[in-house]
Amino acid sequence: MRVLAALSGGVDSAVAAARAIDAGHDVVGIHMALSRDREATRSGSRGCCSIEDASDARWAADILGIPFYTWDLSDEFEERVVTDFLAEYRAGRTPNPCVRCNERIKFDALLERALALGFDAVATGHYARLSGGASAGRPGDAAGLTLSRAADTAKDQSYVLAVSGREALAHALFPLGDAPSKAAVRAEAAQRGLPVADKPDSYDICFVADGDTRGFLTRALGSSPGRMVTPDGEVLGEHSGYFGFTVGQRKGLGLTRPAPDGRPRYVLETRPATNEVVVGPAALLQRRSLDADGLILLADPEPLGPSEGTGADSGAAPGPLGWADAHVQVRAHGRPIRARVTADAEAASLHVELGEPLRGVAAGQSVVVYGGPDSRRVLAHATVA
């Protein structure tokens, strides 16, 4: 197959490209320039898309002996990821920009260009397992395709990939899905003579290189003083903008007096319409159910049984579909929670009944459903309403 290997300048993408070459594919390396600041440099291990990353990507391609190009996707990244990030916070939601980047850049803009140029698939350094589609030599064939957790659960990225859907993933290769650990990948890079073997990982939000998300939001959205209140409306203090707070946040609230019981307060809700931040005890963060929209199915839902009051021979409409014994995850590195999930494909929505309380769920977060043996297979993705 003709494969376009996305080279970020890090160790994972370099080893993934090398493995694609080993598999006999005709590989071309591509670096996505996502930052509009062409002079940006790395700050420690934060951020990506810097001058150093572009240089490291080219260096890796030279060692691997493959053609290399840089594509300027900064406008697409600004419009599809950064602008969305700001809009979601302005709406009082908590977005995951890595999910948006995977959906709208790495498996939308990149794949669109790759297919237009005659490539069969794209290869990336994500830690996840695919079967079917390009991974089985059938690029574009979404029938029977499955996305599952990586062998290295600690590095697993299936959570941020689920939003891509079966059609896009049918053109994807994840050569690191079976890697036992990041240490093993680094050792492989060193053995291959790749200069990025010891390069630190990037983390946090790549376009907020200094890690100060609240500062970034304030610079972009401006200061907007408002009230910090209890659930019953008691005013506790002021804030400089509701968008600088997320559900479940404890630190940085700026409160000068404790709760009557002496226990810490947490952000329970942000209210864009009134510019209020609601804070209260941890107990009020607990959720036993959640609803989500924007459903993307990666597996067919199963019958959950007939609707209440109907019998198998009553001639009534079949009962709801979903998964009676699944697990859901609402954060990239969150703990999977056992759940009963109802999927409404027509309404593109999910209803989740949690097997145990889940704390700090915020609108805008991705909820990913897992099932199958050991709950490793991705079944669906949706966005918490």
Protein backbone atom coordinates (compact mmCIF):
# COMPACT_ATOMS: atom_id res chain seq x y z
CA MET A 1 0.00 0.00 0.00
CA ARG A 2 0.99 3.61 -0.47
CA VAL A 3 1.15 4.98 3.07
CA LEU A 4 1.47 8.55 4.29
CA ALA A 5 3.29 8.51 7.63
CA ALA A 6 2.57 11.48 9.90
CA LEU A 7 5.91 12.47 11.49
CA SER A 8 5.37 14.77 14.47
CA GLY A 9 9.05 14.93 15.36
CA GLY A 10 8.63 12.59 18.31
CA VAL A 11 9.76 9.05 18.95
CA ASP A 12 6.37 7.36 18.51
CA SER A 13 5.68 8.59 14.98
CA ALA A 14 9.26 7.84 13.88
CA VAL A 15 9.08 4.23 15.05
CA ALA A 16 5.59 3.86 13.57
CA ALA A 17 6.92 4.98 10.18
CA ALA A 18 9.83 2.55 10.47
CA ARG A 19 7.46 -0.30 11.21
CA ALA A 20 5.29 0.65 8.21
CA ILE A 21 8.40 0.41 6.04
CA ASP A 22 9.26 -2.97 7.56
CA ALA A 23 5.74 -4.16 6.66
CA GLY A 24 6.56 -3.56 3.00
CA HIS A 25 4.54 -0.40 2.43
CA ASP A 26 5.58 2.44 0.12
CA VAL A 27 5.97 5.16 2.76
CA VAL A 28 6.20 8.95 2.45
CA GLY A 29 6.77 11.11 5.55
CA ILE A 30 4.72 14.22 6.22
CA HIS A 31 5.04 16.77 9.01
CA MET A 32 1.94 18.80 9.82
CA ALA A 33 2.80 22.41 10.64
CA LEU A 34 -0.07 23.38 12.92
CA SER A 35 1.26 26.49 14.62
CA ARG A 36 0.96 29.92 13.00
CA ASP A 37 4.03 30.99 14.96
CA ARG A 38 6.84 29.74 12.74
CA GLU A 39 9.45 30.85 15.28
CA ALA A 40 7.96 28.88 18.17
CA THR A 41 10.36 26.68 20.12
CA ARG A 42 9.68 24.02 22.69
CA SER A 43 9.35 24.90 26.36
CA GLY A 44 10.59 21.83 28.19
CA SER A 45 8.33 19.00 27.10
CA ARG A 46 5.24 21.10 26.63
CA GLY A 47 3.64 21.74 23.30
CA CYS A 48 4.45 20.44 19.86
CA CYS A 49 4.68 21.71 16.27
CA SER A 50 7.81 23.73 17.07
CA ILE A 51 10.92 24.41 15.00
CA GLU A 52 12.66 21.55 16.80
CA ASP A 53 9.81 19.16 16.00
CA ALA A 54 9.88 19.94 12.29
CA SER A 55 13.66 19.49 12.19
CA ASP A 56 13.48 16.22 14.12
CA ALA A 57 10.80 14.91 11.77
CA ARG A 58 12.96 15.64 8.73
CA TRP A 59 15.98 14.07 10.42
CA ALA A 60 14.00 10.88 11.14
CA ALA A 61 12.79 10.71 7.52
CA ASP A 62 16.36 11.07 6.26
CA ILE A 63 17.54 8.18 8.45
CA LEU A 64 14.59 6.03 7.35
CA GLY A 65 15.34 6.88 3.72
CA ILE A 66 11.85 8.07 2.79
CA PRO A 67 10.63 11.21 0.99
CA PHE A 68 9.61 13.98 3.36
CA TYR A 69 7.31 16.99 3.04
CA THR A 70 5.85 19.60 5.36
CA TRP A 71 2.20 20.54 5.00
CA ASP A 72 0.93 23.82 6.41
CA LEU A 73 -2.32 22.94 8.17
CA SER A 74 -2.19 25.89 10.55
CA ASP A 75 -5.33 27.52 9.16
CA GLU A 76 -7.29 24.28 9.42
CA PHE A 77 -5.97 23.73 12.94
CA GLU A 78 -6.91 27.27 13.99
CA GLU A 79 -10.42 26.98 12.56
CA ARG A 80 -11.25 23.39 13.48
CA VAL A 81 -9.49 23.00 16.83
CA VAL A 82 -8.53 26.31 18.47
CA THR A 83 -11.69 28.20 17.49
CA ASP A 84 -13.81 25.24 18.61
CA PHE A 85 -11.91 25.11 21.91
CA LEU A 86 -12.69 28.77 22.61
CA ALA A 87 -16.31 28.45 21.52
CA GLU A 88 -16.88 25.46 23.78
CA TYR A 89 -15.47 27.24 26.84
CA ARG A 90 -17.52 30.32 25.97
CA ALA A 91 -20.58 28.07 25.97
CA GLY A 92 -19.72 26.74 29.44
CA ARG A 93 -18.56 23.33 28.19
CA THR A 94 -15.28 21.46 28.72
CA PRO A 95 -13.82 20.36 25.37
CA ASN A 96 -10.96 17.96 24.71
CA PRO A 97 -8.82 19.55 21.97
CA CYS A 98 -6.88 16.30 21.41
CA VAL A 99 -10.14 14.60 20.44
CA ARG A 100 -10.95 17.45 18.04
CA CYS A 101 -7.45 17.37 16.55
CA ASN A 102 -7.63 13.64 15.88
CA GLU A 103 -11.08 14.00 14.35
CA ARG A 104 -10.67 17.18 12.32
CA ILE A 105 -6.97 17.31 11.48
CA LYS A 106 -5.30 13.90 11.68
CA PHE A 107 -8.28 11.96 10.33
CA ASP A 108 -10.04 14.62 8.33
CA ALA A 109 -7.77 17.24 6.79
CA LEU A 110 -4.76 14.89 6.59
CA LEU A 111 -6.71 11.91 5.25
CA GLU A 112 -8.58 14.09 2.76
CA ARG A 113 -5.28 15.27 1.27
CA ALA A 114 -3.73 11.80 1.41
CA LEU A 115 -6.59 10.19 -0.51
CA ALA A 116 -6.61 13.00 -3.06
CA LEU A 117 -2.93 12.29 -3.73
CA GLY A 118 -3.55 8.58 -4.23
CA PHE A 119 -2.40 7.23 -0.87
CA ASP A 120 -4.20 4.21 0.54
CA ALA A 121 -3.70 4.87 4.24
CA VAL A 122 -2.14 7.12 6.86
CA ALA A 123 0.15 5.78 9.60
CA THR A 124 0.55 7.53 12.96
CA GLY A 125 2.26 6.87 16.27
CA HIS A 126 -0.96 6.46 18.23
CA TYR A 127 -1.16 3.64 20.75
CA ALA A 128 -4.29 1.70 19.76
CA ARG A 129 -5.16 -1.51 17.94
CA LEU A 130 -7.07 -1.80 14.68
CA SER A 131 -8.29 -4.87 12.89
CA GLY A 132 -9.87 -4.80 9.44
CA GLY A 133 -9.59 -1.91 7.00
CA ALA A 134 -6.09 -0.87 5.98
CA SER A 135 -4.58 -2.93 8.79
CA ALA A 136 -5.87 -6.04 7.00
CA GLY A 137 -4.81 -4.81 3.57
CA ARG A 138 -8.31 -3.50 2.74
CA PRO A 139 -8.02 0.30 2.91
CA GLY A 140 -11.41 1.98 3.04
CA ASP A 141 -13.31 -1.21 3.91
CA ALA A 142 -15.07 -0.33 7.17
CA ALA A 143 -17.03 -3.59 7.35
CA GLY A 144 -15.82 -5.58 10.33
CA LEU A 145 -13.33 -2.92 11.42
CA THR A 146 -12.65 -2.79 15.15
CA LEU A 147 -10.77 -0.30 17.32
CA SER A 148 -9.38 -1.60 20.61
CA ARG A 149 -7.13 -0.55 23.44
CA ALA A 150 -3.39 -0.79 22.90
CA ALA A 151 -1.32 -3.56 24.45
CA ASP A 152 0.21 -0.91 26.73
CA THR A 153 -2.84 0.24 28.67
CA ALA A 154 -0.89 3.10 30.26
CA LYS A 155 -0.27 4.66 26.82
CA ASP A 156 -3.59 3.68 25.25
CA GLN A 157 -5.10 6.41 23.03
CA SER A 158 -8.26 4.70 21.82
CA TYR A 159 -10.26 7.24 23.84
CA VAL A 160 -9.18 10.16 21.62
CA LEU A 161 -9.40 8.10 18.42
CA ALA A 162 -12.98 6.85 18.85
CA VAL A 163 -14.43 10.08 17.48
CA SER A 164 -12.84 9.38 14.09
CA GLY A 165 -15.41 6.72 13.23
CA ARG A 166 -15.14 3.57 11.18
CA GLU A 167 -14.96 5.17 7.73
CA ALA A 168 -11.85 7.21 8.55
CA LEU A 169 -10.21 4.51 10.66
CA ALA A 170 -10.51 2.10 7.73
CA HIS A 171 -7.70 4.14 6.14
CA ALA A 172 -5.52 4.20 9.28
CA LEU A 173 -2.52 2.22 10.48
CA PHE A 174 -1.37 2.25 14.10
CA PRO A 175 1.88 0.26 14.05
CA LEU A 176 2.49 0.80 17.79
CA GLY A 177 -0.75 -0.85 18.91
CA ASP A 178 1.05 -4.01 19.97
CA ALA A 179 4.08 -2.28 21.54
CA PRO A 180 4.50 -3.58 25.11
CA SER A 181 5.59 -0.22 26.54
CA LYS A 182 6.90 3.24 25.73
CA ALA A 183 10.30 2.13 27.05
CA ALA A 184 10.34 -0.63 24.44
CA VAL A 185 9.52 1.90 21.70
CA ARG A 186 12.37 4.16 22.84
CA ALA A 187 14.74 1.17 22.87
CA GLU A 188 13.65 0.29 19.34
CA ALA A 189 14.24 3.87 18.20
CA ALA A 190 17.75 3.81 19.65
CA GLN A 191 18.46 0.48 17.95
CA ARG A 192 17.35 1.94 14.63
CA GLY A 193 19.59 4.97 15.13
CA LEU A 194 16.73 7.45 15.34
CA PRO A 195 17.85 10.67 17.10
CA VAL A 196 14.50 11.16 18.87
CA ALA A 197 14.87 8.04 21.03
CA ASP A 198 15.28 10.05 24.23
CA LYS A 199 13.17 13.07 23.29
CA PRO A 200 10.65 13.93 26.04
CA ASP A 201 6.94 13.59 25.31
CA SER A 202 4.80 16.63 24.73
CA TYR A 203 1.85 17.03 27.06
CA ASP A 204 -0.96 19.37 28.01
CA ILE A 205 -2.67 21.42 25.30
CA CYS A 206 -0.23 21.87 22.43
CA PHE A 207 -1.35 25.41 21.55
CA VAL A 208 -1.05 26.48 25.20
CA ALA A 209 2.68 25.84 25.41
CA ASP A 210 3.13 27.46 28.83
CA GLY A 211 0.40 25.28 30.36
CA ASP A 212 -1.63 28.30 31.57
CA THR A 213 -5.03 27.44 30.12
CA ARG A 214 -6.89 30.08 32.13
CA GLY A 215 -4.44 32.74 30.97
CA PHE A 216 -4.87 31.63 27.35
CA LEU A 217 -8.66 31.81 27.66
CA THR A 218 -8.54 35.24 29.30
CA ARG A 219 -6.25 36.60 26.57
CA ALA A 220 -8.54 35.21 23.88
CA LEU A 221 -11.95 35.86 25.42
CA GLY A 222 -11.15 38.84 27.63
CA SER A 223 -11.81 39.47 31.30
CA SER A 224 -15.44 39.15 32.37
CA PRO A 225 -15.91 39.67 36.12
CA GLY A 226 -18.80 37.76 37.66
CA ARG A 227 -20.05 36.15 40.85
CA MET A 228 -19.06 32.89 42.51
CA VAL A 229 -22.11 31.44 44.21
CA THR A 230 -23.40 28.42 46.14
CA PRO A 231 -26.16 26.22 44.64
CA ASP A 232 -28.76 28.21 46.58
CA GLY A 233 -27.45 31.55 45.29
CA GLU A 234 -25.30 32.80 48.17
CA VAL A 235 -22.54 35.02 46.80
CA LEU A 236 -19.10 33.87 47.99
CA GLY A 237 -16.83 36.01 45.89
CA GLU A 238 -15.96 37.14 42.38
CA HIS A 239 -14.13 35.71 39.40
CA SER A 240 -12.68 37.17 36.21
CA GLY A 241 -14.55 34.90 33.78
CA TYR A 242 -16.67 31.75 34.09
CA PHE A 243 -14.80 30.21 31.15
CA GLY A 244 -11.65 29.93 33.27
CA PHE A 245 -13.22 27.22 35.44
CA THR A 246 -14.09 23.58 34.85
CA VAL A 247 -16.45 21.23 36.64
CA GLY A 248 -14.64 19.41 39.45
CA GLN A 249 -11.98 22.09 39.89
CA ARG A 250 -10.84 22.66 43.47
CA LYS A 251 -7.74 24.83 43.32
CA GLY A 252 -7.55 28.41 42.15
CA LEU A 253 -11.09 29.37 43.14
CA GLY A 254 -9.92 32.51 44.93
CA LEU A 255 -12.29 32.05 47.90
CA THR A 256 -11.26 33.71 51.15
CA ARG A 257 -13.52 31.82 53.57
CA PRO A 258 -14.12 28.07 53.95
CA ALA A 259 -17.43 26.23 53.82
CA PRO A 260 -19.36 26.09 57.12
CA ASP A 261 -18.31 22.49 57.62
CA GLY A 262 -14.68 23.27 56.80
CA ARG A 263 -14.62 20.99 53.79
CA PRO A 264 -13.26 22.13 50.41
CA ARG A 265 -15.49 23.50 47.69
CA TYR A 266 -15.46 22.44 44.05
CA VAL A 267 -16.79 23.90 40.83
CA LEU A 268 -20.19 22.32 40.22
CA GLU A 269 -21.35 24.31 37.21
CA THR A 270 -20.58 27.35 35.07
CA ARG A 271 -23.45 29.54 33.87
CA PRO A 272 -22.60 31.56 30.74
CA ALA A 273 -25.99 33.34 30.69
CA THR A 274 -25.40 34.92 34.11
CA ASN A 275 -21.58 34.71 34.20
CA GLU A 276 -21.73 32.75 37.44
CA VAL A 277 -19.56 29.95 38.76
CA VAL A 278 -21.39 27.60 41.12
CA VAL A 279 -19.30 25.93 43.82
CA GLY A 280 -20.19 23.39 46.49
CA PRO A 281 -19.24 20.15 48.26
CA ALA A 282 -17.75 17.15 46.51
CA ALA A 283 -20.92 15.13 47.10
CA LEU A 284 -22.78 17.26 44.56
CA LEU A 285 -20.30 16.28 41.85
CA GLN A 286 -21.43 12.65 41.91
CA ARG A 287 -23.37 11.36 38.88
CA ARG A 288 -25.20 8.05 38.54
CA SER A 289 -26.28 8.62 34.95
CA LEU A 290 -25.45 10.83 32.00
CA ASP A 291 -26.76 11.70 28.56
CA ALA A 292 -24.65 12.35 25.50
CA ASP A 293 -25.23 13.38 21.90
CA GLY A 294 -23.32 13.29 18.63
CA LEU A 295 -23.27 9.48 18.71
CA ILE A 296 -20.63 7.72 16.59
CA LEU A 297 -21.03 3.96 16.46
CA LEU A 298 -17.98 1.72 16.08
CA ALA A 299 -20.00 -1.44 16.75
CA ASP A 300 -23.65 -2.36 16.25
CA PRO A 301 -25.79 -1.98 19.39
CA GLU A 302 -27.43 -5.09 20.81
CA PRO A 303 -31.01 -5.63 22.02
CA LEU A 304 -31.44 -4.72 25.66
CA GLY A 305 -34.76 -6.55 25.91
CA PRO A 306 -38.36 -5.57 25.04
CA SER A 307 -39.82 -2.32 26.30
CA GLU A 308 -41.57 -2.44 29.65
CA GLY A 309 -45.06 -3.92 29.41
CA THR A 310 -44.49 -5.70 26.10
CA GLY A 311 -44.06 -9.40 25.55
CA ALA A 312 -41.98 -11.25 23.03
CA ASP A 313 -45.12 -12.24 21.08
CA SER A 314 -47.12 -9.05 21.57
CA GLY A 315 -46.26 -7.62 18.17
CA ALA A 316 -44.99 -4.46 19.85
CA ALA A 317 -41.95 -2.58 18.62
CA PRO A 318 -38.64 -4.09 19.73
CA GLY A 319 -37.06 -2.76 22.86
CA PRO A 320 -34.10 -0.40 23.11
CA LEU A 321 -30.64 -1.15 21.77
CA GLY A 322 -27.31 -0.71 23.46
CA TRP A 323 -25.00 -2.70 25.71
CA ALA A 324 -26.17 -4.15 29.01
CA ASP A 325 -22.69 -4.84 30.36
CA ALA A 326 -20.23 -2.24 29.07
CA HIS A 327 -17.67 0.18 30.48
CA VAL A 328 -17.55 3.93 29.85
CA GLN A 329 -14.68 6.38 30.12
CA VAL A 330 -15.08 10.18 30.24
CA ARG A 331 -11.45 11.28 30.44
CA ALA A 332 -8.42 10.33 28.36
CA HIS A 333 -6.76 8.73 31.38
CA GLY A 334 -9.87 8.13 33.44
CA ARG A 335 -10.86 4.85 35.04
CA PRO A 336 -13.44 2.85 33.04
CA ILE A 337 -16.75 2.51 34.90
CA ARG A 338 -19.15 -0.39 34.42
CA ALA A 339 -22.41 0.81 32.86
CA ARG A 340 -25.63 -0.05 31.05
CA VAL A 341 -25.73 1.98 27.85
CA THR A 342 -28.76 2.73 25.68
CA ALA A 343 -27.94 3.88 22.14
CA ASP A 344 -30.45 5.73 19.97
CA ALA A 345 -28.96 5.77 16.48
CA GLU A 346 -31.83 7.80 15.04
CA ALA A 347 -31.40 10.57 17.61
CA ALA A 348 -27.60 10.07 17.65
CA SER A 349 -27.63 9.93 21.44
CA LEU A 350 -26.61 7.80 24.40
CA HIS A 351 -28.09 7.32 27.84
CA VAL A 352 -25.70 5.83 30.39
CA GLU A 353 -26.66 4.25 33.72
CA LEU A 354 -23.47 4.02 35.76
CA GLY A 355 -22.66 1.06 37.95
CA GLU A 356 -21.05 3.36 40.51
CA PRO A 357 -21.03 7.13 41.06
CA LEU A 358 -18.78 9.11 38.74
CA ARG A 359 -17.44 12.44 39.91
CA GLY A 360 -16.95 15.67 37.99
CA VAL A 361 -18.60 14.91 34.65
CA ALA A 362 -18.76 18.05 32.52
CA ALA A 363 -20.72 18.93 29.40
CA GLY A 364 -18.46 18.76 26.36
CA GLN A 365 -16.41 15.79 27.53
CA SER A 366 -16.15 12.71 25.34
CA VAL A 367 -17.78 9.56 26.65
CA VAL A 368 -16.37 6.42 25.05
CA VAL A 369 -18.05 3.03 25.45
CA TYR A 370 -15.96 -0.14 25.68
CA GLY A 371 -17.04 -3.79 25.56
CA GLY A 372 -16.01 -7.23 24.46
CA PRO A 373 -13.47 -9.45 26.23
CA ASP A 374 -11.79 -7.46 29.01
CA SER A 375 -13.75 -4.39 27.78
CA ARG A 376 -10.97 -3.43 25.37
CA ARG A 377 -13.02 -2.90 22.21
CA VAL A 378 -14.40 0.57 21.43
CA LEU A 379 -18.15 0.41 20.84
CA ALA A 380 -19.19 4.05 20.57
CA HIS A 381 -18.30 7.70 21.12
CA ALA A 382 -20.54 10.61 22.10
CA THR A 383 -20.27 14.01 23.77
CA VAL A 384 -21.70 14.64 27.24
CA ALA A 385 -24.72 16.93 26.92
